[in-house]
Protein backbone atom coordinates (compact mmCIF):
# COMPACT_ATOMS: atom_id res chain seq x y z
CA MET A 1 -22.10 24.50 65.09
CA THR A 2 -24.81 24.51 62.54
CA VAL A 3 -23.68 25.53 59.01
CA ASP A 4 -25.95 26.93 56.35
CA LEU A 5 -25.46 24.12 53.89
CA ILE A 6 -24.01 20.61 53.72
CA VAL A 7 -23.36 19.03 50.26
CA VAL A 8 -23.06 15.33 50.11
CA GLY A 9 -20.87 14.73 47.05
CA THR A 10 -18.02 16.74 45.32
CA GLY A 11 -18.68 16.36 41.54
CA SER A 12 -20.34 18.53 38.98
CA ALA A 13 -23.63 18.73 40.64
CA ALA A 14 -22.17 19.27 44.15
CA GLN A 15 -19.75 21.99 43.05
CA SER A 16 -22.58 23.91 41.12
CA VAL A 17 -24.28 24.18 44.50
CA ALA A 18 -21.55 24.73 46.92
CA TYR A 19 -19.61 27.54 45.14
CA PRO A 20 -22.52 29.94 44.49
CA CYS A 21 -23.85 29.55 47.94
CA ARG A 22 -20.39 30.19 49.52
CA GLU A 23 -20.00 33.30 47.33
CA ALA A 24 -23.36 34.52 48.66
CA GLY A 25 -21.82 34.27 52.22
CA TRP A 26 -23.27 30.99 53.37
CA SER A 27 -21.35 28.64 55.55
CA VAL A 28 -20.85 25.51 53.39
CA THR A 29 -19.57 21.99 54.07
CA VAL A 30 -18.99 19.22 51.59
CA VAL A 31 -18.74 15.53 52.44
CA ASP A 32 -17.37 12.73 50.14
CA SER A 33 -16.32 9.15 50.82
CA ARG A 34 -14.47 8.98 47.59
CA PRO A 35 -11.54 11.07 46.30
CA PHE A 36 -12.84 14.61 45.69
CA GLY A 37 -13.91 15.50 42.13
CA GLY A 38 -16.70 13.14 41.26
CA THR A 39 -17.14 10.54 38.75
CA CYS A 40 -16.92 12.40 35.46
CA ALA A 41 -13.64 13.88 35.99
CA GLN A 42 -12.06 10.89 37.55
CA ARG A 43 -13.92 7.73 36.68
CA GLY A 44 -16.20 8.55 33.77
CA CYS A 45 -16.52 11.09 30.97
CA ASP A 46 -13.09 12.68 31.00
CA PRO A 47 -10.77 9.53 31.21
CA LYS A 48 -12.98 7.60 28.97
CA LYS A 49 -12.86 10.20 26.26
CA VAL A 50 -8.82 10.07 26.35
CA LEU A 51 -9.27 6.24 25.55
CA VAL A 52 -11.95 6.98 22.92
CA GLY A 53 -9.69 9.52 21.28
CA VAL A 54 -6.89 6.97 20.78
CA SER A 55 -9.37 4.30 19.61
CA GLU A 56 -10.62 6.94 16.93
CA LEU A 57 -7.09 7.57 15.69
CA VAL A 58 -6.32 3.81 15.22
CA ASP A 59 -9.88 3.36 13.58
CA TRP A 60 -9.19 6.30 11.25
CA THR A 61 -5.74 5.08 10.15
CA ARG A 62 -7.02 1.76 9.38
CA ARG A 63 -10.02 2.98 7.23
CA MET A 64 -7.65 5.20 5.33
CA GLN A 65 -5.24 2.53 4.34
CA GLY A 66 -4.80 2.69 0.55
CA LYS A 67 -6.71 5.90 0.36
CA GLY A 68 -3.79 8.10 0.85
CA LEU A 69 -2.03 6.47 3.84
CA SER A 70 0.61 3.73 2.99
CA ALA A 71 2.29 3.31 6.45
CA PRO A 72 1.51 0.27 8.63
CA ALA A 73 -1.72 0.68 10.40
CA ALA A 74 -1.61 2.19 13.88
CA THR A 75 -1.84 0.07 16.85
CA MET A 76 -2.93 0.83 20.33
CA ALA A 77 -0.32 0.91 23.11
CA TRP A 78 -2.52 0.29 26.09
CA PHE A 79 -0.07 0.98 28.79
CA ASP A 80 1.16 4.28 27.25
CA MET A 81 -2.59 5.26 26.78
CA MET A 82 -3.24 4.69 30.32
CA ARG A 83 -0.32 6.49 31.49
CA PHE A 84 -1.43 9.55 29.31
CA LYS A 85 -4.97 9.23 30.79
CA ARG A 86 -3.77 9.57 34.24
CA THR A 87 -2.09 12.85 33.41
CA PHE A 88 -5.56 14.27 33.39
CA ILE A 89 -7.00 12.72 36.56
CA ASP A 90 -4.28 12.11 39.07
CA ASN A 91 -4.35 15.56 40.32
CA VAL A 92 -8.19 16.08 40.25
CA PRO A 93 -8.73 15.08 44.07
CA THR A 94 -5.99 17.42 45.38
CA SER A 95 -6.94 20.41 43.03
CA THR A 96 -10.68 19.92 43.70
CA GLU A 97 -10.29 20.05 47.57
CA ALA A 98 -7.81 22.98 47.31
CA GLY A 99 -10.47 24.86 45.37
CA PHE A 100 -13.13 24.20 47.97
CA ARG A 101 -10.77 25.25 50.83
CA ASP A 102 -9.61 28.39 49.06
CA ALA A 103 -13.33 29.37 48.80
CA GLY A 104 -13.76 28.79 52.47
CA ILE A 105 -15.88 25.53 52.18
CA LEU A 106 -15.18 23.09 54.82
CA THR A 107 -14.13 19.52 53.44
CA VAL A 108 -15.06 16.48 55.12
CA HIS A 109 -13.97 12.83 54.01
CA GLY A 110 -16.05 10.00 54.91
CA ARG A 111 -19.39 8.42 54.22
CA ALA A 112 -22.32 10.46 55.29
CA GLN A 113 -25.55 9.16 57.06
CA PHE A 114 -28.43 11.28 58.06
CA ALA A 115 -29.03 11.53 61.92
CA GLY A 116 -31.94 13.76 61.55
CA PRO A 117 -33.94 16.06 59.12
CA SER A 118 -30.74 18.14 58.44
CA SER A 119 -28.02 16.38 60.33
CA LEU A 120 -25.48 14.16 59.10
CA GLY A 121 -23.07 11.72 60.84
CA VAL A 122 -19.69 11.20 59.36
CA ASP A 123 -17.41 8.82 61.04
CA GLY A 124 -18.91 9.41 64.48
CA GLU A 125 -19.09 13.09 64.32
CA THR A 126 -22.38 14.97 63.66
CA HIS A 127 -22.69 17.96 61.30
CA ASP A 128 -25.85 20.11 61.50
CA ALA A 129 -27.11 22.38 58.83
CA ARG A 130 -30.11 24.33 57.79
CA HIS A 131 -30.06 22.82 54.43
CA VAL A 132 -28.69 19.56 53.03
CA VAL A 133 -28.17 18.73 49.13
CA ILE A 134 -27.61 15.09 48.02
CA ALA A 135 -25.39 15.20 45.04
CA ALA A 136 -23.57 11.83 45.66
CA GLY A 137 -23.52 10.36 42.10
CA ALA A 138 -24.13 6.81 41.02
CA ARG A 139 -22.71 3.35 41.29
CA HIS A 140 -22.95 0.24 39.21
CA ALA A 141 -26.43 -1.39 39.52
CA PRO A 142 -26.64 -4.74 41.55
CA LEU A 143 -27.20 -7.63 39.26
CA GLY A 144 -28.17 -10.28 41.98
CA ILE A 145 -26.40 -13.18 40.29
CA PRO A 146 -23.92 -15.74 41.51
CA GLY A 147 -20.37 -14.63 40.83
CA GLU A 148 -21.27 -10.91 40.59
CA GLU A 149 -18.11 -10.15 42.54
CA HIS A 150 -16.04 -11.37 39.49
CA LEU A 151 -17.26 -8.55 37.38
CA LEU A 152 -15.07 -5.62 36.85
CA THR A 153 -16.81 -2.08 37.02
CA SER A 154 -16.27 0.61 34.52
CA THR A 155 -14.09 2.31 37.11
CA GLY A 156 -11.81 -0.76 37.25
CA PHE A 157 -11.63 -1.00 33.33
CA LEU A 158 -10.38 2.54 33.16
CA GLU A 159 -7.53 1.58 35.58
CA LEU A 160 -6.32 -1.49 33.63
CA ASP A 161 -2.65 -1.47 32.95
CA GLU A 162 -2.92 -4.32 30.54
CA LEU A 163 -5.99 -5.38 28.50
CA PRO A 164 -6.74 -9.23 28.43
CA ARG A 165 -7.14 -10.81 25.29
CA ARG A 166 -10.94 -11.94 25.72
CA VAL A 167 -13.40 -9.52 27.20
CA ALA A 168 -17.05 -9.80 27.78
CA PHE A 169 -19.42 -6.94 28.48
CA VAL A 170 -22.61 -7.61 30.60
CA GLY A 171 -25.29 -5.15 29.38
CA GLY A 172 -25.80 -3.25 26.20
CA GLY A 173 -25.60 0.34 27.15
CA TYR A 174 -23.27 3.29 26.65
CA ILE A 175 -20.37 1.68 28.73
CA ALA A 176 -20.54 -1.59 26.81
CA PHE A 177 -20.39 -0.01 23.34
CA GLU A 178 -17.93 2.61 24.13
CA PHE A 179 -15.45 0.44 25.81
CA ALA A 180 -16.14 -2.43 23.35
CA HIS A 181 -14.98 -0.23 20.53
CA VAL A 182 -11.74 0.73 22.54
CA ALA A 183 -11.18 -2.87 23.50
CA ALA A 184 -11.62 -4.16 19.90
CA HIS A 185 -9.28 -1.38 18.39
CA SER A 186 -6.86 -2.74 20.94
CA GLY A 187 -6.89 -6.10 19.50
CA ALA A 188 -9.05 -7.94 22.15
CA GLU A 189 -11.64 -10.36 21.37
CA VAL A 190 -15.00 -8.88 22.59
CA GLN A 191 -18.42 -9.82 23.24
CA ILE A 192 -21.49 -7.79 24.51
CA LEU A 193 -24.26 -9.76 26.17
CA HIS A 194 -27.53 -7.85 26.28
CA ARG A 195 -30.69 -9.36 27.72
CA GLY A 196 -33.17 -7.23 25.68
CA ASP A 197 -34.03 -7.57 22.02
CA ARG A 198 -32.03 -4.49 21.05
CA PRO A 199 -29.37 -2.65 22.79
CA LEU A 200 -29.29 1.11 23.66
CA GLU A 201 -33.01 1.34 23.91
CA GLY A 202 -32.96 5.15 24.42
CA PHE A 203 -31.59 5.69 20.87
CA ASP A 204 -33.34 5.44 17.49
CA ALA A 205 -33.64 1.76 16.39
CA ASP A 206 -32.58 2.43 12.71
CA LEU A 207 -29.47 4.31 13.83
CA VAL A 208 -28.63 1.80 16.51
CA GLY A 209 -28.73 -0.83 13.55
CA HIS A 210 -25.98 1.29 11.85
CA LEU A 211 -23.94 1.15 15.03
CA LEU A 212 -24.51 -2.63 15.31
CA ALA A 213 -23.12 -3.12 11.80
CA THR A 214 -20.11 -1.03 12.57
CA THR A 215 -19.51 -2.84 15.86
CA ARG A 216 -19.83 -6.06 14.28
CA ASP A 217 -17.39 -4.98 11.50
CA LEU A 218 -14.90 -4.50 14.22
CA GLY A 219 -15.19 -8.20 15.15
CA VAL A 220 -17.35 -7.71 18.24
CA ASP A 221 -19.84 -10.39 18.89
CA VAL A 222 -23.08 -8.74 19.94
CA LYS A 223 -25.55 -11.12 21.53
CA VAL A 224 -29.08 -9.86 22.21
CA CYS A 225 -31.85 -11.63 24.27
CA THR A 226 -28.96 -13.10 26.17
CA THR A 227 -29.27 -12.94 29.99
CA VAL A 228 -26.21 -13.62 32.20
CA VAL A 229 -27.37 -15.85 35.01
CA ALA A 230 -23.90 -16.60 36.74
CA VAL A 231 -20.15 -15.93 36.56
CA ASP A 232 -17.72 -18.64 37.58
CA LYS A 233 -13.90 -18.34 38.13
CA ARG A 234 -11.88 -21.00 36.62
CA GLY A 235 -8.13 -20.66 37.19
CA ASP A 236 -7.20 -17.65 35.26
CA GLU A 237 -10.42 -17.61 33.31
CA PHE A 238 -13.93 -16.75 33.84
CA VAL A 239 -17.02 -18.69 32.63
CA VAL A 240 -20.12 -16.50 31.95
CA ARG A 241 -23.24 -18.66 32.09
CA THR A 242 -25.98 -17.35 29.88
CA ARG A 243 -29.72 -18.02 28.99
CA SER A 244 -31.29 -17.28 25.79
CA GLY A 245 -34.83 -18.49 25.64
CA ASP A 246 -34.76 -22.04 26.64
CA GLU A 247 -31.06 -22.47 25.58
CA GLN A 248 -28.34 -22.53 28.14
CA GLY A 249 -24.80 -21.26 27.21
CA GLU A 250 -21.45 -20.39 28.39
CA ILE A 251 -18.76 -18.03 27.31
CA VAL A 252 -15.23 -18.33 28.40
CA CYS A 253 -13.11 -15.13 28.82
CA ASP A 254 -10.28 -13.39 30.55
CA LEU A 255 -12.25 -10.41 31.82
CA VAL A 256 -15.89 -9.72 32.59
CA VAL A 257 -17.02 -6.12 32.78
CA HIS A 258 -20.14 -4.63 34.39
CA ALA A 259 -21.98 -2.51 31.75
CA ALA A 260 -25.60 -3.21 33.00
CA GLY A 261 -26.38 0.30 34.13
CA ARG A 262 -25.85 2.48 37.16
CA VAL A 263 -28.10 3.54 40.23
CA PRO A 264 -28.15 6.54 42.64
CA GLU A 265 -25.42 5.93 45.21
CA ILE A 266 -27.79 6.77 48.28
CA ASP A 267 -28.74 3.21 49.58
CA ASP A 268 -26.72 3.86 52.83
CA LEU A 269 -27.53 7.60 53.58
CA ALA A 270 -30.19 6.47 56.12
CA LEU A 271 -32.69 8.61 54.33
CA ASP A 272 -35.41 7.32 56.54
CA ALA A 273 -33.59 9.11 59.49
CA ALA A 274 -34.36 12.38 57.66
CA GLY A 275 -37.82 11.46 56.27
CA VAL A 276 -36.47 11.51 52.75
CA GLU A 277 -38.61 9.55 50.34
CA ARG A 278 -37.30 7.71 47.41
CA VAL A 279 -39.06 6.55 44.24
CA GLY A 280 -39.11 2.94 44.69
CA LYS A 281 -35.37 1.75 44.72
CA GLY A 282 -34.47 4.72 42.56
CA GLY A 283 -33.66 8.34 43.30
CA ILE A 284 -35.07 10.85 45.73
CA ALA A 285 -38.55 12.09 45.19
CA VAL A 286 -38.36 15.80 44.37
CA ASN A 287 -40.76 18.55 43.40
CA GLU A 288 -40.22 20.70 40.30
CA TYR A 289 -37.63 22.79 42.30
CA LEU A 290 -35.56 19.74 43.03
CA GLN A 291 -36.46 19.86 46.69
CA SER A 292 -37.38 16.69 48.49
CA VAL A 293 -41.22 16.26 48.51
CA SER A 294 -41.08 14.97 52.27
CA ASN A 295 -38.38 17.01 53.73
CA PRO A 296 -38.18 20.82 52.69
CA ALA A 297 -34.66 21.12 54.17
CA VAL A 298 -33.23 18.60 51.65
CA TYR A 299 -32.55 19.10 47.93
CA ALA A 300 -31.07 16.72 45.25
CA ALA A 301 -29.24 17.13 42.06
CA GLY A 302 -27.60 14.88 39.64
CA ASP A 303 -27.92 11.15 39.73
CA ALA A 304 -29.71 11.38 43.17
CA VAL A 305 -32.80 12.78 41.41
CA ALA A 306 -35.49 10.36 40.73
CA SER A 307 -36.84 11.14 37.42
CA GLY A 308 -37.36 13.68 34.67
CA SER A 309 -33.84 14.15 33.60
CA LEU A 310 -30.89 12.46 31.81
CA PRO A 311 -28.03 10.96 33.95
CA LEU A 312 -25.64 13.31 32.33
CA THR A 313 -22.84 15.49 33.68
CA PRO A 314 -23.95 18.72 31.99
CA VAL A 315 -27.55 17.99 33.39
CA ALA A 316 -26.11 17.68 36.92
CA GLY A 317 -24.24 20.88 36.69
CA MET A 318 -27.41 22.53 35.52
CA GLN A 319 -29.41 21.08 38.33
CA GLY A 320 -26.88 22.12 40.86
CA GLY A 321 -27.04 25.72 39.84
CA ILE A 322 -30.80 25.74 39.95
CA VAL A 323 -30.66 24.21 43.66
CA ALA A 324 -28.26 26.92 44.54
CA THR A 325 -30.59 29.61 43.13
CA ASN A 326 -33.66 28.18 44.76
CA LEU A 327 -31.73 27.84 48.16
CA LEU A 328 -30.53 31.45 47.99
CA GLU A 329 -33.69 33.06 46.41
CA GLY A 330 -36.45 30.76 47.26
CA ASN A 331 -38.02 28.19 44.93
CA THR A 332 -38.38 30.08 41.76
CA HIS A 333 -36.42 28.14 39.24
CA THR A 334 -37.05 24.83 37.62
CA PRO A 335 -34.87 22.73 35.21
CA ASN A 336 -35.48 22.88 31.47
CA TYR A 337 -34.72 19.44 30.01
CA GLU A 338 -35.62 20.28 26.43
CA GLY A 339 -32.90 19.88 23.79
CA ILE A 340 -30.29 18.28 25.77
CA PRO A 341 -28.08 15.96 23.71
CA SER A 342 -26.79 12.49 24.63
CA VAL A 343 -23.99 10.75 22.83
CA VAL A 344 -22.62 7.22 22.77
CA PHE A 345 -18.90 7.75 22.10
CA THR A 346 -18.30 4.95 19.71
CA THR A 347 -16.35 5.29 16.47
CA PRO A 348 -18.21 6.97 14.80
CA PRO A 349 -20.38 8.25 17.70
CA LEU A 350 -24.26 7.80 17.91
CA ALA A 351 -26.03 10.95 19.11
CA ARG A 352 -29.62 11.98 19.89
CA VAL A 353 -31.48 15.15 21.12
CA GLY A 354 -35.16 15.79 21.52
CA LEU A 355 -37.96 13.25 20.85
CA ASP A 356 -38.04 10.00 18.96
CA GLU A 357 -40.85 8.88 16.74
CA VAL A 358 -42.64 6.84 19.30
CA THR A 359 -42.72 9.60 22.02
CA ALA A 360 -43.73 12.21 19.41
CA ARG A 361 -46.61 10.18 18.06
CA ALA A 362 -47.72 9.43 21.74
CA ARG A 363 -47.86 13.09 22.48
CA GLY A 364 -50.20 13.41 19.53
CA LEU A 365 -47.74 15.61 17.54
CA ARG A 366 -47.87 15.81 13.62
CA PHE A 367 -44.56 15.65 12.08
CA THR A 368 -42.53 14.68 9.10
CA VAL A 369 -39.56 12.34 9.40
CA HIS A 370 -36.56 13.08 7.34
CA GLN A 371 -34.03 10.05 7.17
CA ASP A 372 -31.35 8.68 5.09
CA ASP A 373 -28.32 6.36 5.01
CA THR A 374 -25.43 8.70 4.51
CA SER A 375 -22.75 6.29 3.93
CA GLY A 376 -22.59 7.40 0.16
CA TRP A 377 -22.34 11.16 1.12
CA TYR A 378 -19.17 12.94 0.63
CA SER A 379 -18.75 13.66 4.30
CA SER A 380 -18.69 9.85 5.06
CA ARG A 381 -16.98 8.64 1.91
CA ARG A 382 -13.94 11.03 2.34
CA VAL A 383 -13.18 9.15 5.67
CA ALA A 384 -14.16 5.73 4.62
CA LEU A 385 -17.00 5.30 6.99
CA ALA A 386 -19.24 2.35 5.87
CA HIS A 387 -22.27 2.85 8.08
CA THR A 388 -23.69 6.33 8.69
CA GLY A 389 -27.18 7.88 8.84
CA TYR A 390 -29.46 10.46 10.39
CA LYS A 391 -33.22 10.91 11.24
CA THR A 392 -34.81 14.29 12.06
CA LEU A 393 -38.44 14.90 13.22
CA VAL A 394 -39.83 18.20 12.07
CA GLU A 395 -43.28 19.46 13.11
CA ASP A 396 -45.83 19.98 10.52
CA GLY A 397 -46.95 23.54 10.10
CA THR A 398 -44.52 25.12 12.68
CA GLU A 399 -41.41 23.45 11.26
CA ARG A 400 -39.98 23.13 14.79
CA ILE A 401 -37.31 20.54 15.32
CA LEU A 402 -38.70 17.86 17.41
CA GLY A 403 -35.73 15.49 17.48
CA ALA A 404 -32.39 14.73 15.77
CA HIS A 405 -30.73 11.36 15.61
CA LEU A 406 -27.29 11.01 14.06
CA PHE A 407 -24.75 8.44 13.53
CA GLY A 408 -21.48 9.32 11.76
CA LEU A 409 -18.46 11.60 11.75
CA HIS A 410 -18.59 14.53 14.34
CA ALA A 411 -22.23 13.42 15.35
CA GLU A 412 -21.25 14.45 19.05
CA GLU A 413 -20.73 18.05 17.66
CA VAL A 414 -23.40 18.42 15.19
CA VAL A 415 -25.98 17.28 17.65
CA ASN A 416 -25.47 20.44 19.65
CA ILE A 417 -26.76 22.61 16.78
CA PHE A 418 -30.01 20.59 16.77
CA GLY A 419 -30.22 20.95 20.60
CA LEU A 420 -29.71 24.65 20.27
CA ALA A 421 -32.55 24.67 17.75
CA ILE A 422 -34.78 22.72 20.04
CA ARG A 423 -34.15 24.83 23.14
CA LYS A 424 -34.33 28.15 21.30
CA GLY A 425 -37.19 27.22 19.08
CA LEU A 426 -35.29 27.50 15.70
CA SER A 427 -37.24 26.03 12.80
CA ALA A 428 -36.07 23.81 9.99
CA GLY A 429 -36.16 26.87 7.72
CA ASP A 430 -33.71 28.63 10.03
CA LEU A 431 -31.34 25.64 9.85
CA LYS A 432 -31.64 25.61 6.06
CA ASP A 433 -31.07 29.34 5.77
CA MET A 434 -27.76 29.08 7.76
CA VAL A 435 -24.59 29.56 5.63
CA TYR A 436 -22.27 26.99 6.97
CA ALA A 437 -18.55 26.50 6.63
CA TYR A 438 -18.03 24.09 3.70
CA PRO A 439 -17.02 21.27 3.63
CA THR A 440 -17.85 20.39 7.20
CA THR A 441 -20.06 17.85 8.71
CA ALA A 442 -22.25 20.61 10.02
CA SER A 443 -23.01 21.74 6.37
CA ASP A 444 -24.99 18.40 6.08
CA ILE A 445 -27.59 19.84 8.46
CA SER A 446 -29.29 21.75 5.61
CA TYR A 447 -29.96 18.39 3.93
CA MET A 448 -31.27 16.82 6.99
CA VAL A 449 -34.32 19.02 7.56
């Protein structure tokens, strides 16, 4: 039997495609080799934020000692925290699959491989469809170093019942800094090993500087220009061998965590059998409608998309909705990536939306940069944050908000207001004229533009 649609994956992007198509009367099948529900709900955003929330409370109580708090500083009970985290994720696979089935969507477990332009083989059984959507998520990037098998992935980190005393993170991106803050607040000795000259390269360098100062204040040793060349196991310990310039080094720890990026999980889908082109070793080459440039029966959403978008759950959901519309109505909708915020959930968080200075200048835009260290502002002093700041880019003449970069209390929330301004074309004047609730972190916006 040939169905109208097969979706590979069951996360945010996949659900945003499958449900609208089924509601429109299409016959739909979803296929996943992992527990149903996708990365964000089970192995990413949601469980991570539970850990971050506990970490924030520990940090907050320690900062406020002697400023109104006199009880002993809070400590992190790792096992209890993990047990609490599991209350959010344990039922995800069951409830996700039940939701599909209740909607009349066929669920198939197993790893899919193309057997033709719109046919997939799963565990020896062939499934045919008019259209296929690839929304299979991402996996950790291969490092190609000896001893790579000794590294724990972010998924494994989120399942630890006990955190070892000495932890090293390989890489300097979101995962490294978010989990390093959690680990440091739990009392671990933490190191971040980043091969570039500065971490979090997608974020403003000045605000990353504030984050680095905060991270080092926690006792985390951040090493830049340090390449991990091998990992050896020695008894119950690991030896991380590094190279920095001409110097060789080694770090002894109890746990090594892979934090060096993720890649689309599409290597074993047998894309060649369907004539689906990739961009190098990256994602699937798609047109502006998220349709494969080489096979019109195939679309992609989420991490499987080669370029032009951020690897974020809300973006994946948006893309899935656009794919569903284009399948049902013809190719009429394209994604809008303007004003989509991105956040590093450290304590405090680092957030960005829109353009940075380098990109804005490369586009020939004329703009004014508003920038300040806000550690002396009331909003930071009242919660004893030592390193905070912002940078906003306002276009000359139009007063359009081109970009906003924030590091401080509630930055992950305030950045959404800037994102709205960018997507809806609000000006700096509009943000200044807003009468904000006070005192709130958002009320600082009028001073940032």
